C-alpha cells in the first residue's frame, strides 16, 4: 500500500525555520516526482515546491530563496526546508507523489500527482 506521511509542522515565529519531512512507503521513491502543496483556510491548494526523479527542483515565486526541497531516495524521504517564514506561509502542507519521469510539466497542478499525504500544520505567528 502506497503511503506518504508528513511530519515536522508546528508553530514558529516570523523569521523562523522549519523542516518538513515526507516519508514514503509501499513504493520505490526513485521513480516518482514529489511535490509539496499547501492550503490555507479559505484558499485553494497551492503548489509550493517539487523535485523530479532527476533531482530538478521547482518553486513557486513566493518561496524562492527561502524554501529548499530535497530528497533521500535511499531512506524514502523528501524534505522541505523552510527559512525566513512569514505569516502568509501558514497553511496545511501536503506532499504528493506522481509517476513522472524527468521534467515535470505543470508541476504545480494537483492533478499531476496520484498519491497524497494527510498533511501537517504550519502556523507562523508571533
PDB file of N, CA and C in Angstrom:
ATOM      1  N   UNK A   1       0.848  -1.193   0.000  1.00  0.00           N
ATOM      2  CA  UNK A   1       0.000   0.000   0.000  1.00  0.00           C
ATOM      3  C   UNK A   1       0.881   1.240   0.000  1.00  0.00           C
ATOM      4  N   UNK A   2       0.673   2.091  -1.021  1.00  0.00           N
ATOM      5  CA  UNK A   2       1.461   3.302  -1.094  1.00  0.00           C
ATOM      6  C   UNK A   2       1.012   4.294  -0.034  1.00  0.00           C
ATOM      7  N   UNK A   3       1.979   4.884   0.628  1.00  0.00           N
ATOM      8  CA  UNK A   3       1.655   5.812   1.690  1.00  0.00           C
ATOM      9  C   UNK A   3       2.680   6.927   1.756  1.00  0.00           C
ATOM     10  N   UNK A   4       2.188   8.136   2.035  1.00  0.00           N
ATOM     11  CA  UNK A   4       3.031   9.302   2.278  1.00  0.00           C
ATOM     12  C   UNK A   4       2.626   9.880   3.620  1.00  0.00           C
ATOM     13  N   UNK A   5       3.598  10.147   4.465  1.00  0.00           N
ATOM     14  CA  UNK A   5       3.313  10.689   5.778  1.00  0.00           C
ATOM     15  C   UNK A   5       4.189  11.911   6.001  1.00  0.00           C
ATOM     16  N   UNK A   6       3.527  13.055   6.232  1.00  0.00           N
ATOM     17  CA  UNK A   6       4.252  14.301   6.509  1.00  0.00           C
ATOM     18  C   UNK A   6       4.483  14.462   8.003  1.00  0.00           C
ATOM     19  N   UNK A   7       5.575  15.111   8.340  1.00  0.00           N
ATOM     20  CA  UNK A   7       5.871  15.437   9.730  1.00  0.00           C
ATOM     21  C   UNK A   7       6.720  16.698   9.768  1.00  0.00           C
ATOM     22  N   UNK A   8       6.820  17.278  10.965  1.00  0.00           N
ATOM     23  CA  UNK A   8       7.687  18.437  11.147  1.00  0.00           C
ATOM     24  C   UNK A   8       6.977  19.772  11.232  1.00  0.00           C
ATOM     25  N   UNK A   9       5.678  19.773  11.088  1.00  0.00           N
ATOM     26  CA  UNK A   9       4.956  21.026  11.200  1.00  0.00           C
ATOM     27  C   UNK A   9       4.903  21.511  12.631  1.00  0.00           C
ATOM     28  N   UNK A  10       4.406  22.731  12.803  1.00  0.00           N
ATOM     29  CA  UNK A  10       4.286  23.286  14.145  1.00  0.00           C
ATOM     30  C   UNK A  10       4.095  24.776  14.115  1.00  0.00           C
ATOM     31  N   UNK A  11       4.249  25.366  15.280  1.00  0.00           N
ATOM     32  CA  UNK A  11       4.120  26.817  15.441  1.00  0.00           C
ATOM     33  C   UNK A  11       5.518  27.427  15.456  1.00  0.00           C
ATOM     34  N   UNK A  12       5.715  28.458  14.667  1.00  0.00           N
ATOM     35  CA  UNK A  12       7.018  29.109  14.596  1.00  0.00           C
ATOM     36  C   UNK A  12       6.799  30.615  14.454  1.00  0.00           C
ATOM     37  N   UNK A  13       7.709  31.379  14.995  1.00  0.00           N
ATOM     38  CA  UNK A  13       7.614  32.833  14.894  1.00  0.00           C
ATOM     39  C   UNK A  13       8.046  33.307  13.507  1.00  0.00           C
ATOM     40  N   UNK A  14       7.548  34.449  13.081  1.00  0.00           N
ATOM     41  CA  UNK A  14       8.022  35.009  11.811  1.00  0.00           C
ATOM     42  C   UNK A  14       9.540  35.127  11.790  1.00  0.00           C
ATOM     43  N   UNK A  15      10.123  34.748  10.672  1.00  0.00           N
ATOM     44  CA  UNK A  15      11.573  34.740  10.552  1.00  0.00           C
ATOM     45  C   UNK A  15      12.204  33.423  10.943  1.00  0.00           C
ATOM     46  N   UNK A  16      11.421  32.543  11.522  1.00  0.00           N
ATOM     47  CA  UNK A  16      11.938  31.257  11.961  1.00  0.00           C
ATOM     48  C   UNK A  16      12.015  30.234  10.846  1.00  0.00           C
ATOM     49  N   UNK A  17      12.413  29.031  11.228  1.00  0.00           N
ATOM     50  CA  UNK A  17      12.612  27.949  10.264  1.00  0.00           C
ATOM     51  C   UNK A  17      11.925  26.674  10.725  1.00  0.00           C
ATOM     52  N   UNK A  18      11.544  25.888   9.748  1.00  0.00           N
ATOM     53  CA  UNK A  18      11.019  24.542   9.986  1.00  0.00           C
ATOM     54  C   UNK A  18      11.483  23.655   8.852  1.00  0.00           C
ATOM     55  N   UNK A  19      11.637  22.374   9.141  1.00  0.00           N
ATOM     56  CA  UNK A  19      11.884  21.404   8.083  1.00  0.00           C
ATOM     57  C   UNK A  19      10.774  20.361   8.114  1.00  0.00           C
ATOM     58  N   UNK A  20      10.086  20.262   7.000  1.00  0.00           N
ATOM     59  CA  UNK A  20       9.059  19.238   6.861  1.00  0.00           C
ATOM     60  C   UNK A  20       9.668  17.995   6.222  1.00  0.00           C
ATOM     61  N   UNK A  21       9.184  16.847   6.657  1.00  0.00           N
ATOM     62  CA  UNK A  21       9.639  15.571   6.104  1.00  0.00           C
ATOM     63  C   UNK A  21       8.440  14.804   5.571  1.00  0.00           C
ATOM     64  N   UNK A  22       8.617  14.221   4.416  1.00  0.00           N
ATOM     65  CA  UNK A  22       7.603  13.341   3.829  1.00  0.00           C
ATOM     66  C   UNK A  22       8.238  11.962   3.711  1.00  0.00           C
ATOM     67  N   UNK A  23       7.672  10.991   4.406  1.00  0.00           N
ATOM     68  CA  UNK A  23       8.201   9.642   4.392  1.00  0.00           C
ATOM     69  C   UNK A  23       7.314   8.759   3.516  1.00  0.00           C
ATOM     70  N   UNK A  24       7.931   8.125   2.545  1.00  0.00           N
ATOM     71  CA  UNK A  24       7.194   7.304   1.589  1.00  0.00           C
ATOM     72  C   UNK A  24       7.357   5.828   1.912  1.00  0.00           C
ATOM     73  N   UNK A  25       6.319   5.071   1.691  1.00  0.00           N
ATOM     74  CA  UNK A  25       6.382   3.619   1.864  1.00  0.00           C
ATOM     75  C   UNK A  25       5.447   2.957   0.865  1.00  0.00           C
ATOM     76  N   UNK A  26       5.757   1.699   0.565  1.00  0.00           N
ATOM     77  CA  UNK A  26       4.906   0.940  -0.344  1.00  0.00           C
ATOM     78  C   UNK A  26       5.230   1.117  -1.806  1.00  0.00           C
ATOM     79  N   UNK A  27       6.218   1.925  -2.118  1.00  0.00           N
ATOM     80  CA  UNK A  27       6.638   2.109  -3.498  1.00  0.00           C
ATOM     81  C   UNK A  27       8.088   2.580  -3.511  1.00  0.00           C
ATOM     82  N   UNK A  28       8.717   2.505  -4.672  1.00  0.00           N
ATOM     83  CA  UNK A  28      10.116   2.919  -4.793  1.00  0.00           C
ATOM     84  C   UNK A  28      10.177   4.386  -5.173  1.00  0.00           C
ATOM     85  N   UNK A  29      10.667   5.179  -4.246  1.00  0.00           N
ATOM     86  CA  UNK A  29      10.654   6.633  -4.412  1.00  0.00           C
ATOM     87  C   UNK A  29      11.426   7.091  -5.645  1.00  0.00           C
ATOM     88  N   UNK A  30      12.452   6.353  -6.037  1.00  0.00           N
ATOM     89  CA  UNK A  30      13.329   6.757  -7.137  1.00  0.00           C
ATOM     90  C   UNK A  30      12.570   7.128  -8.412  1.00  0.00           C
ATOM     91  N   UNK A  31      11.454   6.483  -8.652  1.00  0.00           N
ATOM     92  CA  UNK A  31      10.752   6.651  -9.916  1.00  0.00           C
ATOM     93  C   UNK A  31       9.734   7.786  -9.900  1.00  0.00           C
ATOM     94  N   UNK A  32       9.580   8.424  -8.755  1.00  0.00           N
ATOM     95  CA  UNK A  32       8.492   9.374  -8.575  1.00  0.00           C
ATOM     96  C   UNK A  32       8.983  10.812  -8.413  1.00  0.00           C
ATOM     97  N   UNK A  33       8.216  11.714  -8.984  1.00  0.00           N
ATOM     98  CA  UNK A  33       8.355  13.123  -8.661  1.00  0.00           C
ATOM     99  C   UNK A  33       7.530  13.401  -7.411  1.00  0.00           C
ATOM    100  N   UNK A  34       8.039  14.288  -6.579  1.00  0.00           N
ATOM    101  CA  UNK A  34       7.356  14.636  -5.326  1.00  0.00           C
ATOM    102  C   UNK A  34       7.151  16.144  -5.282  1.00  0.00           C
ATOM    103  N   UNK A  35       5.969  16.520  -4.882  1.00  0.00           N
ATOM    104  CA  UNK A  35       5.664  17.943  -4.743  1.00  0.00           C
ATOM    105  C   UNK A  35       5.140  18.236  -3.351  1.00  0.00           C
ATOM    106  N   UNK A  36       5.367  19.448  -2.934  1.00  0.00           N
ATOM    107  CA  UNK A  36       4.778  19.977  -1.702  1.00  0.00           C
ATOM    108  C   UNK A  36       3.713  20.995  -2.097  1.00  0.00           C
ATOM    109  N   UNK A  37       2.545  20.819  -1.530  1.00  0.00           N
ATOM    110  CA  UNK A  37       1.448  21.765  -1.702  1.00  0.00           C
ATOM    111  C   UNK A  37       1.074  22.314  -0.333  1.00  0.00           C
ATOM    112  N   UNK A  38       0.356  23.391  -0.341  1.00  0.00           N
ATOM    113  CA  UNK A  38      -0.190  23.918   0.909  1.00  0.00           C
ATOM    114  C   UNK A  38      -1.581  24.475   0.665  1.00  0.00           C
ATOM    115  N   UNK A  39      -2.348  24.465   1.716  1.00  0.00           N
ATOM    116  CA  UNK A  39      -3.703  25.018   1.627  1.00  0.00           C
ATOM    117  C   UNK A  39      -4.003  25.782   2.901  1.00  0.00           C
ATOM    118  N   UNK A  40      -4.214  27.061   2.741  1.00  0.00           N
ATOM    119  CA  UNK A  40      -4.600  27.921   3.856  1.00  0.00           C
ATOM    120  C   UNK A  40      -6.112  27.949   3.945  1.00  0.00           C
ATOM    121  N   UNK A  41      -6.658  28.272   5.125  1.00  0.00           N
ATOM    122  CA  UNK A  41      -8.112  28.318   5.285  1.00  0.00           C
ATOM    123  C   UNK A  41      -8.754  29.241   4.261  1.00  0.00           C
ATOM    124  N   UNK A  42      -9.768  28.732   3.579  1.00  0.00           N
ATOM    125  CA  UNK A  42     -10.489  29.541   2.619  1.00  0.00           C
ATOM    126  C   UNK A  42      -9.798  29.749   1.289  1.00  0.00           C
ATOM    127  N   UNK A  43      -8.653  29.093   1.094  1.00  0.00           N
ATOM    128  CA  UNK A  43      -7.897  29.267  -0.149  1.00  0.00           C
ATOM    129  C   UNK A  43      -7.733  27.937  -0.868  1.00  0.00           C
ATOM    130  N   UNK A  44      -7.420  28.034  -2.152  1.00  0.00           N
ATOM    131  CA  UNK A  44      -7.175  26.831  -2.932  1.00  0.00           C
ATOM    132  C   UNK A  44      -5.815  26.225  -2.606  1.00  0.00           C
ATOM    133  N   UNK A  45      -5.698  24.939  -2.903  1.00  0.00           N
ATOM    134  CA  UNK A  45      -4.414  24.274  -2.705  1.00  0.00           C
ATOM    135  C   UNK A  45      -3.391  24.859  -3.678  1.00  0.00           C
ATOM    136  N   UNK A  46      -2.212  25.147  -3.174  1.00  0.00           N
ATOM    137  CA  UNK A  46      -1.173  25.836  -3.938  1.00  0.00           C
ATOM    138  C   UNK A  46       0.098  24.993  -3.997  1.00  0.00           C
ATOM    139  N   UNK A  47       0.669  24.861  -5.179  1.00  0.00           N
ATOM    140  CA  UNK A  47       1.941  24.190  -5.293  1.00  0.00           C
ATOM    141  C   UNK A  47       3.048  25.063  -4.731  1.00  0.00           C
ATOM    142  N   UNK A  48       3.862  24.491  -3.851  1.00  0.00           N
ATOM    143  CA  UNK A  48       4.929  25.243  -3.190  1.00  0.00           C
ATOM    144  C   UNK A  48       6.285  24.928  -3.809  1.00  0.00           C
ATOM    145  N   UNK A  49       6.566  23.639  -3.941  1.00  0.00           N
ATOM    146  CA  UNK A  49       7.857  23.199  -4.483  1.00  0.00           C
ATOM    147  C   UNK A  49       7.711  21.765  -4.962  1.00  0.00           C
ATOM    148  N   UNK A  50       8.619  21.366  -5.829  1.00  0.00           N
ATOM    149  CA  UNK A  50       8.622  19.987  -6.310  1.00  0.00           C
ATOM    150  C   UNK A  50      10.044  19.577  -6.640  1.00  0.00           C
ATOM    151  N   UNK A  51      10.247  18.268  -6.647  1.00  0.00           N
ATOM    152  CA  UNK A  51      11.544  17.738  -7.055  1.00  0.00           C
ATOM    153  C   UNK A  51      11.295  16.518  -7.935  1.00  0.00           C
ATOM    154  N   UNK A  52      11.898  16.546  -9.106  1.00  0.00           N
ATOM    155  CA  UNK A  52      11.715  15.459 -10.028  1.00  0.00           C
ATOM    156  C   UNK A  52      12.553  14.250  -9.661  1.00  0.00           C
ATOM    157  N   UNK A  53      12.308  13.134 -10.349  1.00  0.00           N
ATOM    158  CA  UNK A  53      13.114  11.955 -10.077  1.00  0.00           C
ATOM    159  C   UNK A  53      14.536  12.131 -10.613  1.00  0.00           C
ATOM    160  N   UNK A  54      14.737  13.191 -11.398  1.00  0.00           N
ATOM    161  CA  UNK A  54      16.075  13.516 -11.867  1.00  0.00           C
ATOM    162  C   UNK A  54      16.753  14.564 -10.992  1.00  0.00           C
ATOM    163  N   UNK A  55      16.082  14.971  -9.919  1.00  0.00           N
ATOM    164  CA  UNK A  55      16.663  15.939  -8.985  1.00  0.00           C
ATOM    165  C   UNK A  55      16.385  17.394  -9.308  1.00  0.00           C
ATOM    166  N   UNK A  56      15.758  17.656 -10.445  1.00  0.00           N
ATOM    167  CA  UNK A  56      15.411  19.036 -10.782  1.00  0.00           C
ATOM    168  C   UNK A  56      14.390  19.570  -9.783  1.00  0.00           C
ATOM    169  N   UNK A  57      14.579  20.813  -9.368  1.00  0.00           N
ATOM    170  CA  UNK A  57      13.676  21.403  -8.383  1.00  0.00           C
ATOM    171  C   UNK A  57      12.858  22.528  -8.991  1.00  0.00           C
ATOM    172  N   UNK A  58      11.701  22.751  -8.409  1.00  0.00           N
ATOM    173  CA  UNK A  58      10.752  23.747  -8.873  1.00  0.00           C
ATOM    174  C   UNK A  58      10.196  24.455  -7.644  1.00  0.00           C
ATOM    175  N   UNK A  59       9.989  25.786  -7.761  1.00  0.00           N
ATOM    176  CA  UNK A  59       9.466  26.558  -6.642  1.00  0.00           C
ATOM    177  C   UNK A  59       8.450  27.576  -7.140  1.00  0.00           C
ATOM    178  N   UNK A  60       7.459  27.809  -6.320  1.00  0.00           N
ATOM    179  CA  UNK A  60       6.589  28.929  -6.604  1.00  0.00           C
ATOM    180  C   UNK A  60       7.329  30.212  -6.228  1.00  0.00           C
ATOM    181  N   UNK A  61       6.963  31.287  -6.883  1.00  0.00           N
ATOM    182  CA  UNK A  61       7.737  32.523  -6.757  1.00  0.00           C
ATOM    183  C   UNK A  61       7.846  33.012  -5.317  1.00  0.00           C
ATOM    184  N   UNK A  62       6.786  32.881  -4.569  1.00  0.00           N
ATOM    185  CA  UNK A  62       6.758  33.465  -3.224  1.00  0.00           C
ATOM    186  C   UNK A  62       7.703  32.775  -2.234  1.00  0.00           C
ATOM    187  N   UNK A  63       8.223  31.593  -2.586  1.00  0.00           N
ATOM    188  CA  UNK A  63       9.110  30.889  -1.643  1.00  0.00           C
ATOM    189  C   UNK A  63      10.536  30.783  -2.158  1.00  0.00           C
ATOM    190  N   UNK A  64      10.784  31.246  -3.357  1.00  0.00           N
ATOM    191  CA  UNK A  64      12.134  31.163  -3.916  1.00  0.00           C
ATOM    192  C   UNK A  64      13.120  31.905  -3.023  1.00  0.00           C
ATOM    193  N   UNK A  65      14.239  31.257  -2.742  1.00  0.00           N
ATOM    194  CA  UNK A  65      15.256  31.838  -1.881  1.00  0.00           C
ATOM    195  C   UNK A  65      15.017  31.579  -0.402  1.00  0.00           C
ATOM    196  N   UNK A  66      13.831  31.073  -0.051  1.00  0.00           N
ATOM    197  CA  UNK A  66      13.512  30.792   1.363  1.00  0.00           C
ATOM    198  C   UNK A  66      13.325  29.296   1.607  1.00  0.00           C
ATOM    199  N   UNK A  67      12.744  28.592   0.652  1.00  0.00           N
ATOM    200  CA  UNK A  67      12.451  27.164   0.809  1.00  0.00           C
ATOM    201  C   UNK A  67      13.390  26.347  -0.078  1.00  0.00           C
ATOM    202  N   UNK A  68      13.739  25.168   0.417  1.00  0.00           N
ATOM    203  CA  UNK A  68      14.559  24.238  -0.361  1.00  0.00           C
ATOM    204  C   UNK A  68      13.959  22.839  -0.266  1.00  0.00           C
ATOM    205  N   UNK A  69      13.743  22.233  -1.418  1.00  0.00           N
ATOM    206  CA  UNK A  69      13.227  20.860  -1.454  1.00  0.00           C
ATOM    207  C   UNK A  69      14.374  19.917  -1.801  1.00  0.00           C
ATOM    208  N   UNK A  70      14.395  18.772  -1.137  1.00  0.00           N
ATOM    209  CA  UNK A  70      15.442  17.788  -1.395  1.00  0.00           C
ATOM    210  C   UNK A  70      14.871  16.390  -1.166  1.00  0.00           C
ATOM    211  N   UNK A  71      15.611  15.398  -1.611  1.00  0.00           N
ATOM    212  CA  UNK A  71      15.129  14.029  -1.470  1.00  0.00           C
ATOM    213  C   UNK A  71      16.265  13.090  -1.087  1.00  0.00           C
ATOM    214  N   UNK A  72      15.905  12.055  -0.352  1.00  0.00           N
ATOM    215  CA  UNK A  72      16.827  10.990   0.041  1.00  0.00           C
ATOM    216  C   UNK A  72      16.160   9.695  -0.372  1.00  0.00           C
ATOM    217  N   UNK A  73      16.467   9.253  -1.577  1.00  0.00           N
ATOM    218  CA  UNK A  73      15.796   8.062  -2.103  1.00  0.00           C
ATOM    219  C   UNK A  73      16.126   6.818  -1.294  1.00  0.00           C
ATOM    220  N   UNK A  74      17.340   6.757  -0.771  1.00  0.00           N
ATOM    221  CA  UNK A  74      17.736   5.572   0.000  1.00  0.00           C
ATOM    222  C   UNK A  74      16.820   5.360   1.193  1.00  0.00           C
ATOM    223  N   UNK A  75      16.512   6.459   1.853  1.00  0.00           N
ATOM    224  CA  UNK A  75      15.674   6.382   3.047  1.00  0.00           C
ATOM    225  C   UNK A  75      14.212   6.733   2.775  1.00  0.00           C
ATOM    226  N   UNK A  76      13.870   6.896   1.502  1.00  0.00           N
ATOM    227  CA  UNK A  76      12.482   7.124   1.101  1.00  0.00           C
ATOM    228  C   UNK A  76      11.911   8.393   1.757  1.00  0.00           C
ATOM    229  N   UNK A  77      12.683   9.449   1.737  1.00  0.00           N
ATOM    230  CA  UNK A  77      12.257  10.692   2.378  1.00  0.00           C
ATOM    231  C   UNK A  77      12.430  11.878   1.458  1.00  0.00           C
ATOM    232  N   UNK A  78      11.546  12.830   1.622  1.00  0.00           N
ATOM    233  CA  UNK A  78      11.627  14.101   0.912  1.00  0.00           C
ATOM    234  C   UNK A  78      11.519  15.184   1.972  1.00  0.00           C
ATOM    235  N   UNK A  79      12.279  16.253   1.787  1.00  0.00           N
ATOM    236  CA  UNK A  79      12.335  17.308   2.786  1.00  0.00           C
ATOM    237  C   UNK A  79      11.948  18.647   2.176  1.00  0.00           C
ATOM    238  N   UNK A  80      11.384  19.485   3.014  1.00  0.00           N
ATOM    239  CA  UNK A  80      11.146  20.874   2.634  1.00  0.00           C
ATOM    240  C   UNK A  80      11.702  21.741   3.754  1.00  0.00           C
ATOM    241  N   UNK A  81      12.860  22.323   3.494  1.00  0.00           N
ATOM    242  CA  UNK A  81      13.477  23.228   4.446  1.00  0.00           C
ATOM    243  C   UNK A  81      12.880  24.610   4.219  1.00  0.00           C
ATOM    244  N   UNK A  82      12.292  25.177   5.262  1.00  0.00           N
ATOM    245  CA  UNK A  82      11.616  26.475   5.144  1.00  0.00           C
ATOM    246  C   UNK A  82      12.296  27.471   6.075  1.00  0.00           C
ATOM    247  N   UNK A  83      12.868  28.495   5.505  1.00  0.00           N
ATOM    248  CA  UNK A  83      13.552  29.539   6.261  1.00  0.00           C
ATOM    249  C   UNK A  83      12.824  30.868   6.113  1.00  0.00           C
ATOM    250  N   UNK A  84      13.113  31.776   7.029  1.00  0.00           N
ATOM    251  CA  UNK A  84      12.522  33.117   6.984  1.00  0.00           C
ATOM    252  C   UNK A  84      11.009  33.039   6.772  1.00  0.00           C
ATOM    253  N   UNK A  85      10.369  32.248   7.599  1.00  0.00           N
ATOM    254  CA  UNK A  85       8.940  32.038   7.447  1.00  0.00           C
ATOM    255  C   UNK A  85       8.146  33.290   7.719  1.00  0.00           C
ATOM    256  N   UNK A  86       7.048  33.426   7.000  1.00  0.00           N
ATOM    257  CA  UNK A  86       6.177  34.589   7.098  1.00  0.00           C
ATOM    258  C   UNK A  86       4.781  34.128   7.485  1.00  0.00           C
ATOM    259  N   UNK A  87       3.994  35.038   8.067  1.00  0.00           N
ATOM    260  CA  UNK A  87       2.624  34.651   8.437  1.00  0.00           C
ATOM    261  C   UNK A  87       1.832  34.091   7.250  1.00  0.00           C
ATOM    262  N   UNK A  88       2.106  34.579   6.059  1.00  0.00           N
ATOM    263  CA  UNK A  88       1.371  34.096   4.884  1.00  0.00           C
ATOM    264  C   UNK A  88       1.779  32.685   4.469  1.00  0.00           C
ATOM    265  N   UNK A  89       2.785  32.111   5.113  1.00  0.00           N
ATOM    266  CA  UNK A  89       3.136  30.713   4.879  1.00  0.00           C
ATOM    267  C   UNK A  89       2.282  29.754   5.712  1.00  0.00           C
ATOM    268  N   UNK A  90       1.470  30.303   6.584  1.00  0.00           N
ATOM    269  CA  UNK A  90       0.605  29.479   7.417  1.00  0.00           C
ATOM    270  C   UNK A  90      -0.373  28.692   6.556  1.00  0.00           C
ATOM    271  N   UNK A  91      -0.382  27.373   6.741  1.00  0.00           N
ATOM    272  CA  UNK A  91      -1.226  26.501   5.930  1.00  0.00           C
ATOM    273  C   UNK A  91      -1.024  25.065   6.389  1.00  0.00           C
ATOM    274  N   UNK A  92      -1.852  24.190   5.864  1.00  0.00           N
ATOM    275  CA  UNK A  92      -1.589  22.762   5.957  1.00  0.00           C
ATOM    276  C   UNK A  92      -0.733  22.391   4.749  1.00  0.00           C
ATOM    277  N   UNK A  93       0.365  21.718   5.008  1.00  0.00           N
ATOM    278  CA  UNK A  93       1.300  21.340   3.959  1.00  0.00           C
ATOM    279  C   UNK A  93       1.158  19.854   3.652  1.00  0.00           C
ATOM    280  N   UNK A  94       1.079  19.551   2.361  1.00  0.00           N
ATOM    281  CA  UNK A  94       0.905  18.185   1.892  1.00  0.00           C
ATOM    282  C   UNK A  94       2.052  17.807   0.963  1.00  0.00           C
ATOM    283  N   UNK A  95       2.465  16.553   1.018  1.00  0.00           N
ATOM    284  CA  UNK A  95       3.344  16.058  -0.024  1.00  0.00           C
ATOM    285  C   UNK A  95       2.529  15.129  -0.935  1.00  0.00           C
ATOM    286  N   UNK A  96       2.969  15.072  -2.176  1.00  0.00           N
ATOM    287  CA  UNK A  96       2.245  14.302  -3.175  1.00  0.00           C
ATOM    288  C   UNK A  96       3.249  13.643  -4.120  1.00  0.00           C
ATOM    289  N   UNK A  97       2.916  12.471  -4.608  1.00  0.00           N
ATOM    290  CA  UNK A  97       3.811  11.715  -5.482  1.00  0.00           C
ATOM    291  C   UNK A  97       3.154  11.437  -6.822  1.00  0.00           C
ATOM    292  N   UNK A  98       3.947  11.584  -7.873  1.00  0.00           N
ATOM    293  CA  UNK A  98       3.453  11.280  -9.211  1.00  0.00           C
ATOM    294  C   UNK A  98       4.497  10.499  -9.980  1.00  0.00           C
ATOM    295  N   UNK A  99       4.063   9.500 -10.732  1.00  0.00           N
ATOM    296  CA  UNK A  99       4.980   8.693 -11.529  1.00  0.00           C
ATOM    297  C   UNK A  99       5.319   9.481 -12.787  1.00  0.00           C
ATOM    298  N   UNK A 100       6.271  10.396 -12.656  1.00  0.00           N
ATOM    299  CA  UNK A 100       6.653  11.323 -13.723  1.00  0.00           C
ATOM    300  C   UNK A 100       8.154  11.230 -13.908  1.00  0.00           C
ATOM    301  N   UNK A 101       8.549  10.978 -15.158  1.00  0.00           N
ATOM    302  CA  UNK A 101       9.974  10.851 -15.426  1.00  0.00           C
ATOM    303  C   UNK A 101      10.517  12.156 -15.998  1.00  0.00           C
ATOM    304  N   UNK A 102      11.603  12.657 -15.400  1.00  0.00           N
ATOM    305  CA  UNK A 102      12.262  13.845 -15.918  1.00  0.00           C
ATOM    306  C   UNK A 102      11.513  15.127 -15.576  1.00  0.00           C
ATOM    307  N   UNK A 103      11.446  16.029 -16.553  1.00  0.00           N
ATOM    308  CA  UNK A 103      10.838  17.348 -16.355  1.00  0.00           C
ATOM    309  C   UNK A 103       9.365  17.209 -15.970  1.00  0.00           C
ATOM    310  N   UNK A 104       8.961  17.987 -14.960  1.00  0.00           N
ATOM    311  CA  UNK A 104       7.573  17.947 -14.517  1.00  0.00           C
ATOM    312  C   UNK A 104       6.859  19.128 -15.168  1.00  0.00           C
ATOM    313  N   UNK A 105       6.257  18.900 -16.289  1.00  0.00           N
ATOM    314  CA  UNK A 105       5.477  19.955 -16.932  1.00  0.00           C
ATOM    315  C   UNK A 105       4.234  20.217 -16.101  1.00  0.00           C
ATOM    316  N   UNK A 106       4.015  21.477 -15.744  1.00  0.00           N
ATOM    317  CA  UNK A 106       2.855  21.787 -14.917  1.00  0.00           C
ATOM    318  C   UNK A 106       2.971  21.245 -13.515  1.00  0.00           C
ATOM    319  N   UNK A 107       4.145  21.389 -12.919  1.00  0.00           N
ATOM    320  CA  UNK A 107       4.431  20.748 -11.641  1.00  0.00           C
ATOM    321  C   UNK A 107       3.483  21.170 -10.536  1.00  0.00           C
ATOM    322  N   UNK A 108       2.893  22.342 -10.621  1.00  0.00           N
ATOM    323  CA  UNK A 108       2.066  22.863  -9.528  1.00  0.00           C
ATOM    324  C   UNK A 108       0.591  22.471  -9.649  1.00  0.00           C
ATOM    325  N   UNK A 109       0.272  21.639 -10.609  1.00  0.00           N
ATOM    326  CA  UNK A 109      -1.109  21.212 -10.760  1.00  0.00           C
ATOM    327  C   UNK A 109      -1.357  19.977  -9.926  1.00  0.00           C
ATOM    328  N   UNK A 110      -2.277  20.037  -8.975  1.00  0.00           N
ATOM    329  CA  UNK A 110      -2.540  18.870  -8.125  1.00  0.00           C
ATOM    330  C   UNK A 110      -2.848  17.603  -8.912  1.00  0.00           C
ATOM    331  N   UNK A 111      -3.457  17.723 -10.063  1.00  0.00           N
ATOM    332  CA  UNK A 111      -3.864  16.530 -10.811  1.00  0.00           C
ATOM    333  C   UNK A 111      -2.683  15.761 -11.392  1.00  0.00           C
ATOM    334  N   UNK A 112      -1.483  16.354 -11.334  1.00  0.00           N
ATOM    335  CA  UNK A 112      -0.306  15.632 -11.816  1.00  0.00           C
ATOM    336  C   UNK A 112       0.081  14.486 -10.884  1.00  0.00           C
ATOM    337  N   UNK A 113      -0.451  14.503  -9.666  1.00  0.00           N
ATOM    338  CA  UNK A 113       0.032  13.594  -8.625  1.00  0.00           C
ATOM    339  C   UNK A 113      -1.063  12.624  -8.215  1.00  0.00           C
ATOM    340  N   UNK A 114      -0.648  11.402  -8.002  1.00  0.00           N
ATOM    341  CA  UNK A 114      -1.613  10.344  -7.742  1.00  0.00           C
ATOM    342  C   UNK A 114      -1.785  10.021  -6.269  1.00  0.00           C
ATOM    343  N   UNK A 115      -0.782  10.290  -5.478  1.00  0.00           N
ATOM    344  CA  UNK A 115      -0.813   9.890  -4.075  1.00  0.00           C
ATOM    345  C   UNK A 115      -0.502  11.097  -3.192  1.00  0.00           C
ATOM    346  N   UNK A 116      -1.232  11.177  -2.104  1.00  0.00           N
ATOM    347  CA  UNK A 116      -1.143  12.338  -1.219  1.00  0.00           C
ATOM    348  C   UNK A 116      -1.028  11.898   0.222  1.00  0.00           C
ATOM    349  N   UNK A 117      -0.298  12.704   0.992  1.00  0.00           N
ATOM    350  CA  UNK A 117      -0.277  12.500   2.427  1.00  0.00           C
ATOM    351  C   UNK A 117      -1.462  13.193   3.086  1.00  0.00           C
ATOM    352  N   UNK A 118      -1.528  13.079   4.423  1.00  0.00           N
ATOM    353  CA  UNK A 118      -2.651  13.649   5.166  1.00  0.00           C
ATOM    354  C   UNK A 118      -2.415  15.110   5.549  1.00  0.00           C
ATOM    355  N   UNK A 119      -1.184  15.563   5.432  1.00  0.00           N
ATOM    356  CA  UNK A 119      -0.894  16.960   5.709  1.00  0.00           C
ATOM    357  C   UNK A 119      -0.335  17.189   7.102  1.00  0.00           C
ATOM    358  N   UNK A 120       0.401  18.281   7.224  1.00  0.00           N
ATOM    359  CA  UNK A 120       0.924  18.716   8.515  1.00  0.00           C
ATOM    360  C   UNK A 120       0.738  20.219   8.634  1.00  0.00           C
ATOM    361  N   UNK A 121       0.318  20.667   9.807  1.00  0.00           N
ATOM    362  CA  UNK A 121       0.009  22.081  10.016  1.00  0.00           C
ATOM    363  C   UNK A 121       1.267  22.905  10.243  1.00  0.00           C
ATOM    364  N   UNK A 122       1.332  24.025   9.576  1.00  0.00           N
ATOM    365  CA  UNK A 122       2.381  25.009   9.821  1.00  0.00           C
ATOM    366  C   UNK A 122       1.700  26.337  10.152  1.00  0.00           C
ATOM    367  N   UNK A 123       2.024  26.874  11.322  1.00  0.00           N
ATOM    368  CA  UNK A 123       1.491  28.171  11.737  1.00  0.00           C
ATOM    369  C   UNK A 123       2.645  29.104  12.024  1.00  0.00           C
ATOM    370  N   UNK A 124       2.632  30.237  11.359  1.00  0.00           N
ATOM    371  CA  UNK A 124       3.671  31.250  11.559  1.00  0.00           C
ATOM    372  C   UNK A 124       3.007  32.442  12.228  1.00  0.00           C
ATOM    373  N   UNK A 125       3.334  32.637  13.501  1.00  0.00           N
ATOM    374  CA  UNK A 125       2.712  33.717  14.269  1.00  0.00           C
ATOM    375  C   UNK A 125       3.620  34.086  15.435  1.00  0.00           C
ATOM    376  N   UNK A 126       3.489  35.338  15.852  1.00  0.00           N
ATOM    377  CA  UNK A 126       4.317  35.799  16.982  1.00  0.00           C
ATOM    378  C   UNK A 126       3.576  35.654  18.287  1.00  0.00           C
TER     379      UNK A 126
END
